[in-house]
Amino acid sequence: MPATMLFNDHHRAQLAHRLNGSLADTRNRARRAAEARRANRQQDEEKNQLVAANPNLASVDVHRKTMYIWLLICMFAVYGMDLVLFAAVAGYFVKQSFAGSPRLAMAAQFLVPAFIVVIEMGLSMQRDAAYRDYLEGFGSRLRLWAWTALTAFCTLVMPMAVIATYLAGEGDDFAPWVSIPLIITLAGLSLVCHVLMLFGGRLALESKSWGVFRLQMSGLQSRIRQSNRAYATHSQAAADRFAAYLQDLNAHNAAYATTRIEAGPFDRNTREIVNEVYGYEVIRTPAGTQNEPQIQPNPQAPPPQNPPQDNPPDWRNAYDRQMREQEAEVRA
């Protein structure tokens, strides 16, 4: 066998292998780009539903947004104050109850102040709900008084706990003329912080709702940005691989005119993604979409009947409606 023929066969096999690889890469990248585009559309729909379900939180003016932000900052400030004032006490009691768990004692120093804030938030919401129900005529005055009494009791207990903690750990470190103003200051700060948490009312609840809304919106926006980046990356890669595929295809057909290879076949995702990147129809949609996977007809759908000769306009409406119903069943 001549060496030239062996070389030509080997070269043609290399070109065919590169063509298959470029075509497979183009399809794979186009599929990933189409998946990213579908995910982006779904996330946009979730975002629109979230905004439609919370129109008041989505269109907050700057003044009210500033109030919400400061109230949320105050909530974290209350946690910081409780952490400083009660961390040692929480660690002490946990060490007494669980002597062999130093990690639990360390975790309690951070968890107990958080539990206090959570309980106060729950009391505040229950009192606010009882107050609104009472104003609307659905709740009783006794229920409102009960929740208000519990809230006031919790408000007074926290400064008393601060005073007890200070007296227990003071010893002889401070002179009386320092201890008295200091203990008044600490008790006053604790009282102000917990009044803010417990009697924040409707505005405090709205600020927490706005914070949760912003967290959900930020998560959706982050996912939308990720899907946009994924679509841009994979669609551009699909277009680049398609350009390499065309270059190899032209080289093969120019060198071996007697064994030409037709372009494709390209699935729907590849056609749409590549055409969108180029901005015009680079890959033409074949007539009748012969490259699309064949859809099996629905066996339960009867075939369309032949048109009757009389009253053709009425038959055409019924015939078109029947065809649309069958196509919907096939797509489903």
C-alpha atoms as a PDB file:
ATOM      1  CA  MET A   1       0.000   0.000   0.000  1.00  0.00           C
ATOM      2  CA  PRO A   2       1.481   3.406  -0.937  1.00  0.00           C
ATOM      3  CA  ALA A   3       2.741   5.575   1.922  1.00  0.00           C
ATOM      4  CA  THR A   4       0.766   8.545   0.599  1.00  0.00           C
ATOM      5  CA  MET A   5      -2.497   6.631   0.953  1.00  0.00           C
ATOM      6  CA  LEU A   6      -1.618   5.602   4.497  1.00  0.00           C
ATOM      7  CA  PHE A   7      -0.805   9.195   5.369  1.00  0.00           C
ATOM      8  CA  ASN A   8      -4.066  10.452   3.877  1.00  0.00           C
ATOM      9  CA  ASP A   9      -6.097   7.868   5.787  1.00  0.00           C
ATOM     10  CA  HIS A  10      -4.358   8.756   9.021  1.00  0.00           C
ATOM     11  CA  HIS A  11      -4.825  12.493   8.418  1.00  0.00           C
ATOM     12  CA  ARG A  12      -8.505  12.030   7.571  1.00  0.00           C
ATOM     13  CA  ALA A  13      -8.981   9.952  10.728  1.00  0.00           C
ATOM     14  CA  GLN A  14      -7.395  12.716  12.795  1.00  0.00           C
ATOM     15  CA  LEU A  15      -9.661  15.345  11.225  1.00  0.00           C
ATOM     16  CA  ALA A  16     -12.727  13.167  11.808  1.00  0.00           C
ATOM     17  CA  HIS A  17     -11.708  12.623  15.433  1.00  0.00           C
ATOM     18  CA  ARG A  18     -11.279  16.368  15.951  1.00  0.00           C
ATOM     19  CA  LEU A  19     -14.628  17.003  14.290  1.00  0.00           C
ATOM     20  CA  ASN A  20     -16.394  14.568  16.609  1.00  0.00           C
ATOM     21  CA  GLY A  21     -14.687  16.080  19.656  1.00  0.00           C
ATOM     22  CA  SER A  22     -15.541  19.659  18.673  1.00  0.00           C
ATOM     23  CA  LEU A  23     -19.155  18.706  17.948  1.00  0.00           C
ATOM     24  CA  ALA A  24     -19.488  16.897  21.284  1.00  0.00           C
ATOM     25  CA  ASP A  25     -17.917  19.829  23.163  1.00  0.00           C
ATOM     26  CA  THR A  26     -20.218  22.275  21.403  1.00  0.00           C
ATOM     27  CA  ARG A  27     -23.287  20.277  22.347  1.00  0.00           C
ATOM     28  CA  ASN A  28     -22.106  19.816  25.933  1.00  0.00           C
ATOM     29  CA  ARG A  29     -21.403  23.520  26.428  1.00  0.00           C
ATOM     30  CA  ALA A  30     -24.682  24.483  24.792  1.00  0.00           C
ATOM     31  CA  ARG A  31     -26.549  22.082  27.074  1.00  0.00           C
ATOM     32  CA  ARG A  32     -24.941  23.625  30.149  1.00  0.00           C
ATOM     33  CA  ALA A  33     -25.712  27.122  28.886  1.00  0.00           C
ATOM     34  CA  ALA A  34     -29.341  26.141  28.302  1.00  0.00           C
ATOM     35  CA  GLU A  35     -29.558  24.701  31.830  1.00  0.00           C
ATOM     36  CA  ALA A  36     -28.110  27.933  33.255  1.00  0.00           C
ATOM     37  CA  ARG A  37     -30.619  29.969  31.249  1.00  0.00           C
ATOM     38  CA  ARG A  38     -33.533  27.863  32.513  1.00  0.00           C
ATOM     39  CA  ALA A  39     -32.264  28.211  36.079  1.00  0.00           C
ATOM     40  CA  ASN A  40     -31.977  31.963  35.593  1.00  0.00           C
ATOM     41  CA  ARG A  41     -35.553  32.217  34.375  1.00  0.00           C
ATOM     42  CA  GLN A  42     -36.795  30.137  37.301  1.00  0.00           C
ATOM     43  CA  GLN A  43     -34.894  32.317  39.758  1.00  0.00           C
ATOM     44  CA  ASP A  44     -36.284  35.464  38.145  1.00  0.00           C
ATOM     45  CA  GLU A  45     -39.756  34.030  38.591  1.00  0.00           C
ATOM     46  CA  GLU A  46     -39.056  33.263  42.266  1.00  0.00           C
ATOM     47  CA  LYS A  47     -37.785  36.810  42.720  1.00  0.00           C
ATOM     48  CA  ASN A  48     -40.901  38.271  41.124  1.00  0.00           C
ATOM     49  CA  GLN A  49     -43.117  36.088  43.317  1.00  0.00           C
ATOM     50  CA  LEU A  50     -41.226  37.190  46.430  1.00  0.00           C
ATOM     51  CA  VAL A  51     -41.633  40.848  45.502  1.00  0.00           C
ATOM     52  CA  ALA A  52     -45.321  40.357  44.651  1.00  0.00           C
ATOM     53  CA  ALA A  53     -45.944  38.623  47.990  1.00  0.00           C
ATOM     54  CA  ASN A  54     -44.196  41.408  49.958  1.00  0.00           C
ATOM     55  CA  PRO A  55     -44.856  44.689  48.123  1.00  0.00           C
ATOM     56  CA  ASN A  56     -44.478  46.811  51.259  1.00  0.00           C
ATOM     57  CA  LEU A  57     -41.081  45.355  52.122  1.00  0.00           C
ATOM     58  CA  ALA A  58     -39.870  45.583  48.521  1.00  0.00           C
ATOM     59  CA  SER A  59     -40.641  49.313  48.195  1.00  0.00           C
ATOM     60  CA  VAL A  60     -39.356  50.694  51.502  1.00  0.00           C
ATOM     61  CA  ASP A  61     -38.284  54.333  51.403  1.00  0.00           C
ATOM     62  CA  VAL A  62     -34.905  55.486  52.666  1.00  0.00           C
ATOM     63  CA  HIS A  63     -36.240  56.880  55.940  1.00  0.00           C
ATOM     64  CA  ARG A  64     -37.979  53.682  56.976  1.00  0.00           C
ATOM     65  CA  LYS A  65     -35.104  51.536  55.731  1.00  0.00           C
ATOM     66  CA  THR A  66     -32.759  53.513  57.984  1.00  0.00           C
ATOM     67  CA  MET A  67     -35.043  52.852  60.949  1.00  0.00           C
ATOM     68  CA  TYR A  68     -35.108  49.134  60.164  1.00  0.00           C
ATOM     69  CA  ILE A  69     -31.321  48.972  59.897  1.00  0.00           C
ATOM     70  CA  TRP A  70     -30.791  50.771  63.196  1.00  0.00           C
ATOM     71  CA  LEU A  71     -33.285  48.537  64.973  1.00  0.00           C
ATOM     72  CA  LEU A  72     -31.475  45.462  63.680  1.00  0.00           C
ATOM     73  CA  ILE A  73     -28.174  46.950  64.827  1.00  0.00           C
ATOM     74  CA  CYS A  74     -29.726  47.564  68.244  1.00  0.00           C
ATOM     75  CA  MET A  75     -30.757  43.913  68.414  1.00  0.00           C
ATOM     76  CA  PHE A  76     -27.138  42.824  67.896  1.00  0.00           C
ATOM     77  CA  ALA A  77     -26.040  45.458  70.412  1.00  0.00           C
ATOM     78  CA  VAL A  78     -28.369  43.934  73.009  1.00  0.00           C
ATOM     79  CA  TYR A  79     -26.830  40.535  72.322  1.00  0.00           C
ATOM     80  CA  GLY A  80     -23.371  42.049  72.788  1.00  0.00           C
ATOM     81  CA  MET A  81     -24.371  43.616  76.108  1.00  0.00           C
ATOM     82  CA  ASP A  82     -25.833  40.340  77.377  1.00  0.00           C
ATOM     83  CA  LEU A  83     -22.741  38.516  76.217  1.00  0.00           C
ATOM     84  CA  VAL A  84     -20.524  40.784  78.301  1.00  0.00           C
ATOM     85  CA  LEU A  85     -22.788  40.776  81.357  1.00  0.00           C
ATOM     86  CA  PHE A  86     -23.968  37.154  81.499  1.00  0.00           C
ATOM     87  CA  ALA A  87     -21.270  35.089  79.757  1.00  0.00           C
ATOM     88  CA  ALA A  88     -19.377  34.387  82.972  1.00  0.00           C
ATOM     89  CA  VAL A  89     -22.546  33.483  84.880  1.00  0.00           C
ATOM     90  CA  ALA A  90     -23.724  31.133  82.110  1.00  0.00           C
ATOM     91  CA  GLY A  91     -20.338  29.440  82.003  1.00  0.00           C
ATOM     92  CA  TYR A  92     -20.305  29.031  85.792  1.00  0.00           C
ATOM     93  CA  PHE A  93     -23.713  27.326  85.968  1.00  0.00           C
ATOM     94  CA  VAL A  94     -22.924  25.012  83.068  1.00  0.00           C
ATOM     95  CA  LYS A  95     -19.638  24.006  84.719  1.00  0.00           C
ATOM     96  CA  GLN A  96     -21.556  23.179  87.898  1.00  0.00           C
ATOM     97  CA  SER A  97     -24.073  21.052  86.002  1.00  0.00           C
ATOM     98  CA  PHE A  98     -21.687  19.507  83.446  1.00  0.00           C
ATOM     99  CA  ALA A  99     -18.297  19.410  85.122  1.00  0.00           C
ATOM    100  CA  GLY A 100     -16.695  17.227  82.474  1.00  0.00           C
ATOM    101  CA  SER A 101     -17.724  19.366  79.477  1.00  0.00           C
ATOM    102  CA  PRO A 102     -15.525  22.460  79.164  1.00  0.00           C
ATOM    103  CA  ARG A 103     -16.554  22.964  75.541  1.00  0.00           C
ATOM    104  CA  LEU A 104     -20.212  23.046  76.557  1.00  0.00           C
ATOM    105  CA  ALA A 105     -19.406  25.700  79.157  1.00  0.00           C
ATOM    106  CA  MET A 106     -17.618  27.769  76.532  1.00  0.00           C
ATOM    107  CA  ALA A 107     -20.511  27.401  74.081  1.00  0.00           C
ATOM    108  CA  ALA A 108     -23.012  28.374  76.796  1.00  0.00           C
ATOM    109  CA  GLN A 109     -21.295  31.721  77.219  1.00  0.00           C
ATOM    110  CA  PHE A 110     -22.395  32.584  73.669  1.00  0.00           C
ATOM    111  CA  LEU A 111     -25.644  30.636  73.479  1.00  0.00           C
ATOM    112  CA  VAL A 112     -27.345  31.821  76.680  1.00  0.00           C
ATOM    113  CA  PRO A 113     -27.295  35.532  75.667  1.00  0.00           C
ATOM    114  CA  ALA A 114     -28.651  34.509  72.246  1.00  0.00           C
ATOM    115  CA  PHE A 115     -31.433  32.514  73.930  1.00  0.00           C
ATOM    116  CA  ILE A 116     -32.334  35.572  76.003  1.00  0.00           C
ATOM    117  CA  VAL A 117     -32.665  37.696  72.858  1.00  0.00           C
ATOM    118  CA  VAL A 118     -34.782  35.034  71.127  1.00  0.00           C
ATOM    119  CA  ILE A 119     -37.132  34.736  74.128  1.00  0.00           C
ATOM    120  CA  GLU A 120     -37.523  38.501  74.285  1.00  0.00           C
ATOM    121  CA  MET A 121     -38.318  38.650  70.579  1.00  0.00           C
ATOM    122  CA  GLY A 122     -40.992  35.992  71.056  1.00  0.00           C
ATOM    123  CA  LEU A 123     -42.526  37.898  73.993  1.00  0.00           C
ATOM    124  CA  SER A 124     -42.505  41.117  71.990  1.00  0.00           C
ATOM    125  CA  MET A 125     -44.294  39.494  69.037  1.00  0.00           C
ATOM    126  CA  GLN A 126     -46.892  37.837  71.275  1.00  0.00           C
ATOM    127  CA  ARG A 127     -47.638  41.092  73.054  1.00  0.00           C
ATOM    128  CA  ASP A 128     -47.904  42.979  69.762  1.00  0.00           C
ATOM    129  CA  ALA A 129     -50.257  40.306  68.342  1.00  0.00           C
ATOM    130  CA  ALA A 130     -52.439  40.465  71.483  1.00  0.00           C
ATOM    131  CA  TYR A 131     -52.568  44.244  71.253  1.00  0.00           C
ATOM    132  CA  ARG A 132     -53.606  44.219  67.577  1.00  0.00           C
ATOM    133  CA  ASP A 133     -56.240  41.538  68.202  1.00  0.00           C
ATOM    134  CA  TYR A 134     -57.627  43.605  71.091  1.00  0.00           C
ATOM    135  CA  LEU A 135     -57.861  46.722  68.919  1.00  0.00           C
ATOM    136  CA  GLU A 136     -59.623  44.765  66.167  1.00  0.00           C
ATOM    137  CA  GLY A 137     -62.071  43.233  68.628  1.00  0.00           C
ATOM    138  CA  PHE A 138     -60.885  39.626  68.316  1.00  0.00           C
ATOM    139  CA  GLY A 139     -58.795  39.396  71.496  1.00  0.00           C
ATOM    140  CA  SER A 140     -59.639  39.826  75.136  1.00  0.00           C
ATOM    141  CA  ARG A 141     -58.228  42.464  77.457  1.00  0.00           C
ATOM    142  CA  LEU A 142     -57.103  39.749  79.880  1.00  0.00           C
ATOM    143  CA  ARG A 143     -54.871  38.218  77.209  1.00  0.00           C
ATOM    144  CA  LEU A 144     -53.320  41.603  76.484  1.00  0.00           C
ATOM    145  CA  TRP A 145     -52.705  42.260  80.164  1.00  0.00           C
ATOM    146  CA  ALA A 146     -51.156  38.812  80.647  1.00  0.00           C
ATOM    147  CA  TRP A 147     -48.629  39.268  77.839  1.00  0.00           C
ATOM    148  CA  THR A 148     -47.904  42.831  78.946  1.00  0.00           C
ATOM    149  CA  ALA A 149     -47.272  41.647  82.524  1.00  0.00           C
ATOM    150  CA  LEU A 150     -44.902  38.926  81.304  1.00  0.00           C
ATOM    151  CA  THR A 151     -43.061  41.444  79.146  1.00  0.00           C
ATOM    152  CA  ALA A 152     -42.734  43.931  82.025  1.00  0.00           C
ATOM    153  CA  PHE A 153     -41.548  41.180  84.366  1.00  0.00           C
ATOM    154  CA  CYS A 154     -38.838  40.123  81.918  1.00  0.00           C
ATOM    155  CA  THR A 155     -37.828  43.767  81.477  1.00  0.00           C
ATOM    156  CA  LEU A 156     -37.274  44.162  85.244  1.00  0.00           C
ATOM    157  CA  VAL A 157     -35.628  40.782  85.755  1.00  0.00           C
ATOM    158  CA  MET A 158     -32.713  41.489  83.435  1.00  0.00           C
ATOM    159  CA  PRO A 159     -31.400  44.594  85.289  1.00  0.00           C
ATOM    160  CA  MET A 160     -31.840  42.738  88.584  1.00  0.00           C
ATOM    161  CA  ALA A 161     -29.726  39.907  87.170  1.00  0.00           C
ATOM    162  CA  VAL A 162     -27.084  42.443  86.173  1.00  0.00           C
ATOM    163  CA  ILE A 163     -27.006  43.864  89.708  1.00  0.00           C
ATOM    164  CA  ALA A 164     -26.750  40.401  91.243  1.00  0.00           C
ATOM    165  CA  THR A 165     -23.953  39.438  88.880  1.00  0.00           C
ATOM    166  CA  TYR A 166     -22.036  42.597  89.650  1.00  0.00           C
ATOM    167  CA  LEU A 167     -22.383  42.214  93.429  1.00  0.00           C
ATOM    168  CA  ALA A 168     -21.339  38.579  93.282  1.00  0.00           C
ATOM    169  CA  GLY A 169     -18.150  39.308  91.391  1.00  0.00           C
ATOM    170  CA  GLU A 170     -17.230  42.732  92.752  1.00  0.00           C
ATOM    171  CA  GLY A 171     -15.330  41.814  95.939  1.00  0.00           C
ATOM    172  CA  ASP A 172     -13.026  44.596  97.041  1.00  0.00           C
ATOM    173  CA  ASP A 173     -12.036  45.760  93.566  1.00  0.00           C
ATOM    174  CA  PHE A 174     -13.927  49.071  93.696  1.00  0.00           C
ATOM    175  CA  ALA A 175     -14.553  51.683  96.315  1.00  0.00           C
ATOM    176  CA  PRO A 176     -18.198  52.384  97.244  1.00  0.00           C
ATOM    177  CA  TRP A 177     -18.171  55.751  95.504  1.00  0.00           C
ATOM    178  CA  VAL A 178     -17.246  53.895  92.267  1.00  0.00           C
ATOM    179  CA  SER A 179     -19.408  50.821  92.745  1.00  0.00           C
ATOM    180  CA  ILE A 180     -22.721  52.651  93.173  1.00  0.00           C
ATOM    181  CA  PRO A 181     -22.566  54.747  89.956  1.00  0.00           C
ATOM    182  CA  LEU A 182     -21.176  51.763  88.058  1.00  0.00           C
ATOM    183  CA  ILE A 183     -23.941  49.421  89.111  1.00  0.00           C
ATOM    184  CA  ILE A 184     -26.575  52.055  88.323  1.00  0.00           C
ATOM    185  CA  THR A 185     -25.053  52.548  84.880  1.00  0.00           C
ATOM    186  CA  LEU A 186     -24.966  48.823  84.096  1.00  0.00           C
ATOM    187  CA  ALA A 187     -28.515  48.282  85.350  1.00  0.00           C
ATOM    188  CA  GLY A 188     -29.738  51.302  83.388  1.00  0.00           C
ATOM    189  CA  LEU A 189     -28.091  50.108  80.165  1.00  0.00           C
ATOM    190  CA  SER A 190     -29.593  46.662  80.610  1.00  0.00           C
ATOM    191  CA  LEU A 191     -33.023  48.167  81.259  1.00  0.00           C
ATOM    192  CA  VAL A 192     -32.862  50.372  78.144  1.00  0.00           C
ATOM    193  CA  CYS A 193     -31.666  47.506  75.942  1.00  0.00           C
ATOM    194  CA  HIS A 194     -34.367  45.092  77.042  1.00  0.00           C
ATOM    195  CA  VAL A 195     -37.128  47.706  76.909  1.00  0.00           C
ATOM    196  CA  LEU A 196     -36.065  48.289  73.312  1.00  0.00           C
ATOM    197  CA  MET A 197     -36.319  44.567  72.601  1.00  0.00           C
ATOM    198  CA  LEU A 198     -39.523  43.857  74.504  1.00  0.00           C
ATOM    199  CA  PHE A 199     -41.537  46.993  73.758  1.00  0.00           C
ATOM    200  CA  GLY A 200     -40.347  47.639  70.212  1.00  0.00           C
ATOM    201  CA  GLY A 201     -43.854  47.004  68.954  1.00  0.00           C
ATOM    202  CA  ARG A 202     -44.860  46.859  65.334  1.00  0.00           C
ATOM    203  CA  LEU A 203     -41.770  48.650  64.061  1.00  0.00           C
ATOM    204  CA  ALA A 204     -39.431  46.069  65.601  1.00  0.00           C
ATOM    205  CA  LEU A 205     -41.402  43.246  64.011  1.00  0.00           C
ATOM    206  CA  GLU A 206     -41.331  44.999  60.646  1.00  0.00           C
ATOM    207  CA  SER A 207     -37.580  45.477  60.895  1.00  0.00           C
ATOM    208  CA  LYS A 208     -37.067  41.742  61.477  1.00  0.00           C
ATOM    209  CA  SER A 209     -39.404  40.904  58.582  1.00  0.00           C
ATOM    210  CA  TRP A 210     -37.513  43.323  56.349  1.00  0.00           C
ATOM    211  CA  GLY A 211     -34.216  41.724  57.408  1.00  0.00           C
ATOM    212  CA  VAL A 212     -35.505  38.244  56.474  1.00  0.00           C
ATOM    213  CA  PHE A 213     -36.859  39.612  53.168  1.00  0.00           C
ATOM    214  CA  ARG A 214     -33.507  41.191  52.323  1.00  0.00           C
ATOM    215  CA  LEU A 215     -31.696  37.936  53.122  1.00  0.00           C
ATOM    216  CA  GLN A 216     -33.993  35.998  50.786  1.00  0.00           C
ATOM    217  CA  MET A 217     -33.658  38.645  48.087  1.00  0.00           C
ATOM    218  CA  SER A 218     -29.872  38.692  48.419  1.00  0.00           C
ATOM    219  CA  GLY A 219     -29.752  34.911  48.101  1.00  0.00           C
ATOM    220  CA  LEU A 220     -31.878  34.994  44.942  1.00  0.00           C
ATOM    221  CA  GLN A 221     -29.829  37.796  43.432  1.00  0.00           C
ATOM    222  CA  SER A 222     -26.628  35.903  44.161  1.00  0.00           C
ATOM    223  CA  ARG A 223     -28.009  32.786  42.465  1.00  0.00           C
ATOM    224  CA  ILE A 224     -29.148  34.866  39.488  1.00  0.00           C
ATOM    225  CA  ARG A 225     -25.667  36.348  39.115  1.00  0.00           C
ATOM    226  CA  GLN A 226     -24.131  32.875  39.280  1.00  0.00           C
ATOM    227  CA  SER A 227     -26.485  31.531  36.605  1.00  0.00           C
ATOM    228  CA  ASN A 228     -25.767  34.561  34.413  1.00  0.00           C
ATOM    229  CA  ARG A 229     -22.036  33.965  34.722  1.00  0.00           C
ATOM    230  CA  ALA A 230     -22.499  30.271  33.990  1.00  0.00           C
ATOM    231  CA  TYR A 231     -24.599  31.075  30.920  1.00  0.00           C
ATOM    232  CA  ALA A 232     -22.059  33.603  29.631  1.00  0.00           C
ATOM    233  CA  THR A 233     -19.154  31.190  30.165  1.00  0.00           C
ATOM    234  CA  HIS A 234     -20.753  28.116  28.607  1.00  0.00           C
ATOM    235  CA  SER A 235     -22.439  29.939  25.726  1.00  0.00           C
ATOM    236  CA  GLN A 236     -19.186  31.634  24.708  1.00  0.00           C
ATOM    237  CA  ALA A 237     -17.358  28.317  25.014  1.00  0.00           C
ATOM    238  CA  ALA A 238     -20.014  26.679  22.825  1.00  0.00           C
ATOM    239  CA  ALA A 239     -19.575  29.392  20.194  1.00  0.00           C
ATOM    240  CA  ASP A 240     -15.775  29.001  20.299  1.00  0.00           C
ATOM    241  CA  ARG A 241     -15.988  25.234  19.924  1.00  0.00           C
ATOM    242  CA  PHE A 242     -18.442  25.684  17.081  1.00  0.00           C
ATOM    243  CA  ALA A 243     -15.966  27.966  15.302  1.00  0.00           C
ATOM    244  CA  ALA A 244     -13.245  25.320  15.735  1.00  0.00           C
ATOM    245  CA  TYR A 245     -15.667  22.703  14.449  1.00  0.00           C
ATOM    246  CA  LEU A 246     -16.393  24.737  11.310  1.00  0.00           C
ATOM    247  CA  GLN A 247     -12.694  25.280  10.716  1.00  0.00           C
ATOM    248  CA  ASP A 248     -11.962  21.564  10.953  1.00  0.00           C
ATOM    249  CA  LEU A 249     -15.011  20.747   8.821  1.00  0.00           C
ATOM    250  CA  ASN A 250     -13.909  23.112   6.055  1.00  0.00           C
ATOM    251  CA  ALA A 251     -10.379  21.711   6.205  1.00  0.00           C
ATOM    252  CA  HIS A 252     -11.692  18.163   5.906  1.00  0.00           C
ATOM    253  CA  ASN A 253     -14.044  18.897   3.026  1.00  0.00           C
ATOM    254  CA  ALA A 254     -11.394  20.895   1.175  1.00  0.00           C
ATOM    255  CA  ALA A 255      -8.855  18.078   1.468  1.00  0.00           C
ATOM    256  CA  TYR A 256     -11.273  15.228   0.812  1.00  0.00           C
ATOM    257  CA  ALA A 257     -13.910  16.497  -1.577  1.00  0.00           C
ATOM    258  CA  THR A 258     -15.051  12.989  -2.497  1.00  0.00           C
ATOM    259  CA  THR A 259     -15.874  12.100   1.122  1.00  0.00           C
ATOM    260  CA  ARG A 260     -17.440  15.323   2.312  1.00  0.00           C
ATOM    261  CA  ILE A 261     -19.011  15.481   5.759  1.00  0.00           C
ATOM    262  CA  GLU A 262     -22.157  17.480   6.275  1.00  0.00           C
ATOM    263  CA  ALA A 263     -22.368  19.821   9.267  1.00  0.00           C
ATOM    264  CA  GLY A 264     -24.214  18.636  12.330  1.00  0.00           C
ATOM    265  CA  PRO A 265     -26.543  17.321  13.401  1.00  0.00           C
ATOM    266  CA  PHE A 266     -27.236  20.030  15.976  1.00  0.00           C
ATOM    267  CA  ASP A 267     -29.892  19.774  18.646  1.00  0.00           C
ATOM    268  CA  ARG A 268     -32.216  22.604  19.629  1.00  0.00           C
ATOM    269  CA  ASN A 269     -30.050  23.840  22.510  1.00  0.00           C
ATOM    270  CA  THR A 270     -26.980  24.082  20.300  1.00  0.00           C
ATOM    271  CA  ARG A 271     -28.826  26.008  17.602  1.00  0.00           C
ATOM    272  CA  GLU A 272     -30.385  28.481  20.021  1.00  0.00           C
ATOM    273  CA  ILE A 273     -27.252  29.124  22.110  1.00  0.00           C
ATOM    274  CA  VAL A 274     -24.842  29.511  19.186  1.00  0.00           C
ATOM    275  CA  ASN A 275     -27.250  31.740  17.263  1.00  0.00           C
ATOM    276  CA  GLU A 276     -27.751  33.929  20.330  1.00  0.00           C
ATOM    277  CA  VAL A 277     -24.008  34.389  20.794  1.00  0.00           C
ATOM    278  CA  TYR A 278     -23.401  35.289  17.161  1.00  0.00           C
ATOM    279  CA  GLY A 279     -26.468  37.486  16.945  1.00  0.00           C
ATOM    280  CA  TYR A 280     -27.781  35.940  13.755  1.00  0.00           C
ATOM    281  CA  GLU A 281     -28.777  32.525  12.457  1.00  0.00           C
ATOM    282  CA  VAL A 282     -25.459  30.723  12.083  1.00  0.00           C
ATOM    283  CA  ILE A 283     -27.079  27.299  12.400  1.00  0.00           C
ATOM    284  CA  ARG A 284     -30.284  27.209  10.425  1.00  0.00           C
ATOM    285  CA  THR A 285     -33.309  25.441  11.830  1.00  0.00           C
ATOM    286  CA  PRO A 286     -33.988  22.512   9.483  1.00  0.00           C
ATOM    287  CA  ALA A 287     -37.366  22.325   7.839  1.00  0.00           C
ATOM    288  CA  GLY A 288     -39.638  20.114   9.855  1.00  0.00           C
ATOM    289  CA  THR A 289     -36.950  19.947  12.593  1.00  0.00           C
ATOM    290  CA  GLN A 290     -35.744  16.573  11.307  1.00  0.00           C
ATOM    291  CA  ASN A 291     -32.795  16.728  13.665  1.00  0.00           C
ATOM    292  CA  GLU A 292     -35.030  16.962  16.715  1.00  0.00           C
ATOM    293  CA  PRO A 293     -35.821  13.725  18.583  1.00  0.00           C
ATOM    294  CA  GLN A 294     -38.994  12.190  17.338  1.00  0.00           C
ATOM    295  CA  ILE A 295     -41.986  12.536  19.665  1.00  0.00           C
ATOM    296  CA  GLN A 296     -44.092   9.437  19.992  1.00  0.00           C
ATOM    297  CA  PRO A 297     -47.768  10.136  19.377  1.00  0.00           C
ATOM    298  CA  ASN A 298     -50.166   9.816  22.263  1.00  0.00           C
ATOM    299  CA  PRO A 299     -51.954   6.468  21.824  1.00  0.00           C
ATOM    300  CA  GLN A 300     -55.019   7.794  23.653  1.00  0.00           C
ATOM    301  CA  ALA A 301     -55.487  10.703  21.276  1.00  0.00           C
ATOM    302  CA  PRO A 302     -57.662   9.759  18.298  1.00  0.00           C
ATOM    303  CA  PRO A 303     -56.404  10.799  14.865  1.00  0.00           C
ATOM    304  CA  PRO A 304     -57.995  13.931  13.394  1.00  0.00           C
ATOM    305  CA  GLN A 305     -60.971  13.245  11.249  1.00  0.00           C
ATOM    306  CA  ASN A 306     -61.301  14.334   7.645  1.00  0.00           C
ATOM    307  CA  PRO A 307     -63.043  17.658   7.150  1.00  0.00           C
ATOM    308  CA  PRO A 308     -66.716  17.512   6.300  1.00  0.00           C
ATOM    309  CA  GLN A 309     -67.852  19.211   3.146  1.00  0.00           C
ATOM    310  CA  ASP A 310     -70.577  21.339   4.678  1.00  0.00           C
ATOM    311  CA  ASN A 311     -70.014  24.304   6.964  1.00  0.00           C
ATOM    312  CA  PRO A 312     -66.196  24.474   6.513  1.00  0.00           C
ATOM    313  CA  PRO A 313     -65.545  27.525   8.782  1.00  0.00           C
ATOM    314  CA  ASP A 314     -67.110  25.842  11.810  1.00  0.00           C
ATOM    315  CA  TRP A 315     -65.238  22.646  11.094  1.00  0.00           C
ATOM    316  CA  ARG A 316     -61.942  24.530  10.767  1.00  0.00           C
ATOM    317  CA  ASN A 317     -62.343  26.018  14.259  1.00  0.00           C
ATOM    318  CA  ALA A 318     -63.127  22.632  15.774  1.00  0.00           C
ATOM    319  CA  TYR A 319     -60.328  20.962  13.811  1.00  0.00           C
ATOM    320  CA  ASP A 320     -57.747  23.547  14.950  1.00  0.00           C
ATOM    321  CA  ARG A 321     -58.911  23.208  18.536  1.00  0.00           C
ATOM    322  CA  GLN A 322     -58.607  19.408  18.354  1.00  0.00           C
ATOM    323  CA  MET A 323     -55.090  19.663  16.920  1.00  0.00           C
ATOM    324  CA  ARG A 324     -54.000  22.068  19.673  1.00  0.00           C
ATOM    325  CA  GLU A 325     -55.356  19.738  22.364  1.00  0.00           C
ATOM    326  CA  GLN A 326     -53.488  16.794  20.868  1.00  0.00           C
ATOM    327  CA  GLU A 327     -50.253  18.779  20.649  1.00  0.00           C
ATOM    328  CA  ALA A 328     -50.658  19.851  24.293  1.00  0.00           C
ATOM    329  CA  GLU A 329     -51.145  16.221  25.325  1.00  0.00           C
ATOM    330  CA  VAL A 330     -48.011  15.195  23.386  1.00  0.00           C
ATOM    331  CA  ARG A 331     -45.934  17.956  24.995  1.00  0.00           C
ATOM    332  CA  ALA A 332     -47.224  17.010  28.436  1.00  0.00           C
END
